[in-house]
Amino acid sequence: QTTKPFKGFKSRRNIEFKNDDLEDIQNDFSLFIEGTTPRISRGAKVNYKTESNSYSVRAVGPLHQSIEKSLVYAGRYINQIDVEQFSKHAVIGRLVAKDLFKSENPMGKFVIINDVAFKVVGLFYDEGGDNEERIIYIPYTTQQQLLGGTDRIDQIVLTFRPEIGYNGALQLEANVKRYLKRKH
């Protein structure tokens, strides 16, 4: 949120990240960043046959898997082709699979996420605990399309190159924040 009025905009307005912010950070900080991914998080009603529950759906890019350390144990994660083609593919957590599919194999089946069918292409577990395994991942471009063709992003998640060390990471954080503040 902004703290001051700027160029006719009021103070206290929310800043919204967009796809070009992600691209600019990747380009301008490439010497210091190992990977970046957008993230759009929404709650969703998810159905499979007669089973139904509410889950967190995270729309992400392929690098999110390594950043979040999601361990795929069947199928695959969201990939670049999914992003480019706005695929309706989903990677579901171990507990989502257990809740909705019981003992049935979810691979290749379709779940309905907020009235839209997504094919299950992967299953993951996460050492972060049960809450992390109640998440569904989909391509961020697909979510943007479903939200009316927007290019907005909720979060930009990044990792730094290990060789810059702890102090370098803190400086990178300050530089990225300053960059985004100036841009917006």
C-alpha atoms as a PDB file:
ATOM      1  CA  GLN A   1       0.000   0.000   0.000  1.00  0.00           C
ATOM      2  CA  THR A   2       1.228   3.480  -0.782  1.00  0.00           C
ATOM      3  CA  THR A   3       1.789   5.960   2.028  1.00  0.00           C
ATOM      4  CA  LYS A   4       1.767   9.197   0.024  1.00  0.00           C
ATOM      5  CA  PRO A   5      -0.212  10.628  -2.882  1.00  0.00           C
ATOM      6  CA  PHE A   6       1.693  10.428  -6.167  1.00  0.00           C
ATOM      7  CA  LYS A   7       0.999  11.829  -9.661  1.00  0.00           C
ATOM      8  CA  GLY A   8      -2.721  12.260  -8.975  1.00  0.00           C
ATOM      9  CA  PHE A   9      -3.120   8.918  -7.180  1.00  0.00           C
ATOM     10  CA  LYS A  10      -4.353   8.958  -3.573  1.00  0.00           C
ATOM     11  CA  SER A  11      -2.354   7.649  -0.641  1.00  0.00           C
ATOM     12  CA  ARG A  12      -3.178   4.232   0.852  1.00  0.00           C
ATOM     13  CA  ARG A  13      -3.920   2.672  -2.547  1.00  0.00           C
ATOM     14  CA  ASN A  14      -3.072  -0.976  -3.025  1.00  0.00           C
ATOM     15  CA  ILE A  15      -0.191  -1.814  -5.329  1.00  0.00           C
ATOM     16  CA  GLU A  16      -0.919  -4.644  -7.730  1.00  0.00           C
ATOM     17  CA  PHE A  17       1.916  -6.622  -9.244  1.00  0.00           C
ATOM     18  CA  LYS A  18       1.645  -7.563 -12.906  1.00  0.00           C
ATOM     19  CA  ASN A  19       3.405  -9.949 -15.284  1.00  0.00           C
ATOM     20  CA  ASP A  20       5.798  -7.230 -16.432  1.00  0.00           C
ATOM     21  CA  ASP A  21       6.956  -6.723 -12.814  1.00  0.00           C
ATOM     22  CA  LEU A  22       7.994 -10.370 -12.738  1.00  0.00           C
ATOM     23  CA  GLU A  23       9.828 -10.036 -16.069  1.00  0.00           C
ATOM     24  CA  ASP A  24      11.536  -6.785 -14.995  1.00  0.00           C
ATOM     25  CA  ILE A  25      12.787  -8.343 -11.748  1.00  0.00           C
ATOM     26  CA  GLN A  26      14.064 -11.400 -13.619  1.00  0.00           C
ATOM     27  CA  ASN A  27      15.946  -9.185 -16.089  1.00  0.00           C
ATOM     28  CA  ASP A  28      17.214  -6.434 -13.797  1.00  0.00           C
ATOM     29  CA  PHE A  29      18.321  -8.692 -10.936  1.00  0.00           C
ATOM     30  CA  SER A  30      19.400 -11.783 -12.901  1.00  0.00           C
ATOM     31  CA  LEU A  31      22.912 -11.755 -11.420  1.00  0.00           C
ATOM     32  CA  PHE A  32      21.505 -12.193  -7.915  1.00  0.00           C
ATOM     33  CA  ILE A  33      18.353 -14.282  -8.415  1.00  0.00           C
ATOM     34  CA  GLU A  34      18.268 -18.043  -8.813  1.00  0.00           C
ATOM     35  CA  GLY A  35      14.563 -18.275  -9.650  1.00  0.00           C
ATOM     36  CA  THR A  36      11.263 -16.413  -9.582  1.00  0.00           C
ATOM     37  CA  THR A  37       7.642 -17.409  -9.826  1.00  0.00           C
ATOM     38  CA  PRO A  38       4.361 -15.568  -9.627  1.00  0.00           C
ATOM     39  CA  ARG A  39       1.720 -16.735  -7.202  1.00  0.00           C
ATOM     40  CA  ILE A  40      -2.012 -16.093  -7.220  1.00  0.00           C
ATOM     41  CA  SER A  41      -3.842 -17.620  -4.272  1.00  0.00           C
ATOM     42  CA  ARG A  42      -7.577 -18.165  -4.047  1.00  0.00           C
ATOM     43  CA  GLY A  43      -9.901 -20.337  -2.041  1.00  0.00           C
ATOM     44  CA  ALA A  44     -12.014 -22.671  -4.158  1.00  0.00           C
ATOM     45  CA  LYS A  45     -14.759 -25.251  -3.922  1.00  0.00           C
ATOM     46  CA  VAL A  46     -13.416 -28.444  -5.472  1.00  0.00           C
ATOM     47  CA  ASN A  47     -15.494 -31.453  -6.511  1.00  0.00           C
ATOM     48  CA  TYR A  48     -14.825 -34.961  -7.680  1.00  0.00           C
ATOM     49  CA  LYS A  49     -17.943 -37.037  -8.317  1.00  0.00           C
ATOM     50  CA  THR A  50     -19.929 -36.785  -5.046  1.00  0.00           C
ATOM     51  CA  GLU A  51     -17.016 -35.570  -2.921  1.00  0.00           C
ATOM     52  CA  SER A  52     -16.580 -31.847  -2.310  1.00  0.00           C
ATOM     53  CA  ASN A  53     -14.386 -29.628  -0.156  1.00  0.00           C
ATOM     54  CA  SER A  54     -12.787 -26.177  -0.032  1.00  0.00           C
ATOM     55  CA  TYR A  55      -9.075 -25.866  -0.737  1.00  0.00           C
ATOM     56  CA  SER A  56      -6.476 -23.234  -1.379  1.00  0.00           C
ATOM     57  CA  VAL A  57      -5.597 -23.030  -5.073  1.00  0.00           C
ATOM     58  CA  ARG A  58      -2.201 -21.543  -5.880  1.00  0.00           C
ATOM     59  CA  ALA A  59      -1.642 -20.479  -9.450  1.00  0.00           C
ATOM     60  CA  VAL A  60       2.102 -20.622 -10.076  1.00  0.00           C
ATOM     61  CA  GLY A  61       4.904 -21.069 -12.578  1.00  0.00           C
ATOM     62  CA  PRO A  62       7.167 -24.138 -12.934  1.00  0.00           C
ATOM     63  CA  LEU A  63       9.928 -22.844 -10.622  1.00  0.00           C
ATOM     64  CA  HIS A  64       7.495 -22.745  -7.722  1.00  0.00           C
ATOM     65  CA  GLN A  65       8.087 -26.461  -7.158  1.00  0.00           C
ATOM     66  CA  SER A  66      11.740 -26.009  -6.232  1.00  0.00           C
ATOM     67  CA  ILE A  67      11.140 -22.782  -4.315  1.00  0.00           C
ATOM     68  CA  GLU A  68       8.318 -24.322  -2.247  1.00  0.00           C
ATOM     69  CA  LYS A  69      10.028 -27.745  -2.147  1.00  0.00           C
ATOM     70  CA  SER A  70       6.914 -29.653  -3.238  1.00  0.00           C
ATOM     71  CA  LEU A  71       7.881 -33.288  -3.727  1.00  0.00           C
ATOM     72  CA  VAL A  72       6.014 -34.853  -6.658  1.00  0.00           C
ATOM     73  CA  TYR A  73       5.443 -38.563  -6.082  1.00  0.00           C
ATOM     74  CA  ALA A  74       3.237 -39.276  -9.111  1.00  0.00           C
ATOM     75  CA  GLY A  75       3.009 -37.587 -12.486  1.00  0.00           C
ATOM     76  CA  ARG A  76       4.556 -34.143 -12.833  1.00  0.00           C
ATOM     77  CA  TYR A  77       4.400 -30.524 -11.722  1.00  0.00           C
ATOM     78  CA  ILE A  78       3.126 -27.497 -13.658  1.00  0.00           C
ATOM     79  CA  ASN A  79       5.487 -26.916 -16.604  1.00  0.00           C
ATOM     80  CA  GLN A  80       6.226 -24.124 -19.081  1.00  0.00           C
ATOM     81  CA  ILE A  81       3.949 -25.618 -21.741  1.00  0.00           C
ATOM     82  CA  ASP A  82       1.052 -25.497 -19.243  1.00  0.00           C
ATOM     83  CA  VAL A  83       1.819 -21.798 -18.674  1.00  0.00           C
ATOM     84  CA  GLU A  84       2.124 -20.964 -22.385  1.00  0.00           C
ATOM     85  CA  GLN A  85      -1.019 -22.897 -23.391  1.00  0.00           C
ATOM     86  CA  PHE A  86      -3.227 -21.860 -20.422  1.00  0.00           C
ATOM     87  CA  SER A  87      -3.664 -25.562 -19.641  1.00  0.00           C
ATOM     88  CA  LYS A  88      -6.340 -26.710 -17.274  1.00  0.00           C
ATOM     89  CA  HIS A  89      -3.971 -29.023 -15.428  1.00  0.00           C
ATOM     90  CA  ALA A  90      -3.755 -29.420 -11.666  1.00  0.00           C
ATOM     91  CA  VAL A  91      -1.212 -30.841  -9.256  1.00  0.00           C
ATOM     92  CA  ILE A  92      -2.917 -31.847  -6.027  1.00  0.00           C
ATOM     93  CA  GLY A  93      -1.598 -32.388  -2.533  1.00  0.00           C
ATOM     94  CA  ARG A  94      -1.565 -35.786  -0.877  1.00  0.00           C
ATOM     95  CA  LEU A  95      -4.427 -34.879   1.469  1.00  0.00           C
ATOM     96  CA  VAL A  96      -6.547 -33.416  -1.344  1.00  0.00           C
ATOM     97  CA  ALA A  97      -6.168 -36.753  -3.118  1.00  0.00           C
ATOM     98  CA  LYS A  98      -7.071 -38.650   0.050  1.00  0.00           C
ATOM     99  CA  ASP A  99     -10.127 -36.431   0.745  1.00  0.00           C
ATOM    100  CA  LEU A 100     -11.602 -36.409  -2.750  1.00  0.00           C
ATOM    101  CA  PHE A 101     -10.485 -39.699  -4.279  1.00  0.00           C
ATOM    102  CA  LYS A 102     -10.335 -41.957  -1.207  1.00  0.00           C
ATOM    103  CA  SER A 103      -8.466 -45.051  -2.485  1.00  0.00           C
ATOM    104  CA  GLU A 104      -8.992 -44.249  -6.202  1.00  0.00           C
ATOM    105  CA  ASN A 105      -5.968 -43.146  -8.265  1.00  0.00           C
ATOM    106  CA  PRO A 106      -6.475 -39.425  -9.127  1.00  0.00           C
ATOM    107  CA  MET A 107      -3.995 -39.365 -12.035  1.00  0.00           C
ATOM    108  CA  GLY A 108      -5.691 -38.369 -15.285  1.00  0.00           C
ATOM    109  CA  LYS A 109      -9.042 -37.761 -13.576  1.00  0.00           C
ATOM    110  CA  PHE A 110     -10.823 -34.402 -13.607  1.00  0.00           C
ATOM    111  CA  VAL A 111     -11.601 -32.259 -10.584  1.00  0.00           C
ATOM    112  CA  ILE A 112     -14.014 -29.352 -10.786  1.00  0.00           C
ATOM    113  CA  ILE A 113     -12.476 -26.176  -9.347  1.00  0.00           C
ATOM    114  CA  ASN A 114     -15.075 -23.400  -9.051  1.00  0.00           C
ATOM    115  CA  ASP A 115     -17.104 -24.949 -11.886  1.00  0.00           C
ATOM    116  CA  VAL A 116     -14.097 -25.449 -14.228  1.00  0.00           C
ATOM    117  CA  ALA A 117     -12.707 -28.930 -15.012  1.00  0.00           C
ATOM    118  CA  PHE A 118      -8.980 -29.495 -14.416  1.00  0.00           C
ATOM    119  CA  LYS A 119      -7.094 -32.682 -15.245  1.00  0.00           C
ATOM    120  CA  VAL A 120      -4.931 -34.039 -12.419  1.00  0.00           C
ATOM    121  CA  VAL A 121      -1.405 -34.385 -13.835  1.00  0.00           C
ATOM    122  CA  GLY A 122       0.531 -34.730 -10.589  1.00  0.00           C
ATOM    123  CA  LEU A 123       0.433 -35.561  -6.889  1.00  0.00           C
ATOM    124  CA  PHE A 124       2.740 -34.053  -4.300  1.00  0.00           C
ATOM    125  CA  TYR A 125       3.572 -34.157  -0.641  1.00  0.00           C
ATOM    126  CA  ASP A 126       5.221 -31.414   1.362  1.00  0.00           C
ATOM    127  CA  GLU A 127       7.326 -31.647   4.494  1.00  0.00           C
ATOM    128  CA  GLY A 128       5.705 -28.368   5.629  1.00  0.00           C
ATOM    129  CA  GLY A 129       2.798 -30.324   7.088  1.00  0.00           C
ATOM    130  CA  ASP A 130      -0.847 -31.078   6.500  1.00  0.00           C
ATOM    131  CA  ASN A 131      -1.901 -27.558   5.473  1.00  0.00           C
ATOM    132  CA  GLU A 132       0.640 -27.567   2.649  1.00  0.00           C
ATOM    133  CA  GLU A 133      -0.771 -30.881   1.429  1.00  0.00           C
ATOM    134  CA  ARG A 134      -4.281 -29.418   1.162  1.00  0.00           C
ATOM    135  CA  ILE A 135      -3.239 -27.176  -1.727  1.00  0.00           C
ATOM    136  CA  ILE A 136      -3.874 -27.460  -5.448  1.00  0.00           C
ATOM    137  CA  TYR A 137      -1.442 -25.948  -7.969  1.00  0.00           C
ATOM    138  CA  ILE A 138      -2.534 -24.713 -11.405  1.00  0.00           C
ATOM    139  CA  PRO A 139      -0.758 -22.557 -14.059  1.00  0.00           C
ATOM    140  CA  TYR A 140      -0.832 -18.858 -13.174  1.00  0.00           C
ATOM    141  CA  THR A 141      -1.763 -17.886 -16.742  1.00  0.00           C
ATOM    142  CA  THR A 142      -4.830 -20.129 -16.586  1.00  0.00           C
ATOM    143  CA  GLN A 143      -5.930 -18.436 -13.363  1.00  0.00           C
ATOM    144  CA  GLN A 144      -5.368 -15.008 -14.924  1.00  0.00           C
ATOM    145  CA  GLN A 145      -7.529 -16.044 -17.874  1.00  0.00           C
ATOM    146  CA  LEU A 146     -10.276 -17.317 -15.543  1.00  0.00           C
ATOM    147  CA  LEU A 147     -10.153 -14.004 -13.659  1.00  0.00           C
ATOM    148  CA  GLY A 148     -11.157 -12.143 -16.815  1.00  0.00           C
ATOM    149  CA  GLY A 149      -7.919 -11.970 -18.767  1.00  0.00           C
ATOM    150  CA  THR A 150      -6.037  -9.975 -16.165  1.00  0.00           C
ATOM    151  CA  ASP A 151      -2.241  -9.909 -15.822  1.00  0.00           C
ATOM    152  CA  ARG A 152      -2.292  -9.316 -12.064  1.00  0.00           C
ATOM    153  CA  ILE A 153      -0.163 -11.334  -9.653  1.00  0.00           C
ATOM    154  CA  ASP A 154      -0.715 -11.577  -5.881  1.00  0.00           C
ATOM    155  CA  GLN A 155       2.901 -12.323  -5.007  1.00  0.00           C
ATOM    156  CA  ILE A 156       6.299 -12.590  -6.622  1.00  0.00           C
ATOM    157  CA  VAL A 157       8.313 -15.337  -4.976  1.00  0.00           C
ATOM    158  CA  LEU A 158      12.068 -15.452  -5.551  1.00  0.00           C
ATOM    159  CA  THR A 159      15.193 -17.189  -4.391  1.00  0.00           C
ATOM    160  CA  PHE A 160      18.658 -15.712  -4.381  1.00  0.00           C
ATOM    161  CA  ARG A 161      21.882 -17.224  -5.622  1.00  0.00           C
ATOM    162  CA  PRO A 162      23.648 -18.891  -2.660  1.00  0.00           C
ATOM    163  CA  GLU A 163      26.961 -17.229  -3.494  1.00  0.00           C
ATOM    164  CA  ILE A 164      25.613 -13.783  -2.529  1.00  0.00           C
ATOM    165  CA  GLY A 165      25.202 -15.014   1.054  1.00  0.00           C
ATOM    166  CA  TYR A 166      22.986 -13.782   3.855  1.00  0.00           C
ATOM    167  CA  ASN A 167      24.020 -10.115   3.672  1.00  0.00           C
ATOM    168  CA  GLY A 168      23.694 -10.133  -0.098  1.00  0.00           C
ATOM    169  CA  ALA A 169      20.185 -11.579   0.233  1.00  0.00           C
ATOM    170  CA  LEU A 170      19.192  -8.790   2.624  1.00  0.00           C
ATOM    171  CA  GLN A 171      20.580  -6.213   0.206  1.00  0.00           C
ATOM    172  CA  LEU A 172      18.765  -7.873  -2.704  1.00  0.00           C
ATOM    173  CA  GLU A 173      15.496  -7.683  -0.757  1.00  0.00           C
ATOM    174  CA  ALA A 174      16.016  -3.975  -0.080  1.00  0.00           C
ATOM    175  CA  ASN A 175      16.918  -3.310  -3.725  1.00  0.00           C
ATOM    176  CA  VAL A 176      13.903  -5.192  -5.105  1.00  0.00           C
ATOM    177  CA  LYS A 177      11.563  -3.362  -2.708  1.00  0.00           C
ATOM    178  CA  ARG A 178      13.075  -0.001  -3.659  1.00  0.00           C
ATOM    179  CA  TYR A 179      12.797  -0.886  -7.355  1.00  0.00           C
ATOM    180  CA  LEU A 180       9.121  -1.842  -7.052  1.00  0.00           C
ATOM    181  CA  LYS A 181       8.319   1.242  -4.959  1.00  0.00           C
ATOM    182  CA  ARG A 182       9.819   3.492  -7.620  1.00  0.00           C
ATOM    183  CA  LYS A 183       8.057   1.634 -10.407  1.00  0.00           C
ATOM    184  CA  HIS A 184       4.640   1.853  -8.750  1.00  0.00           C
END
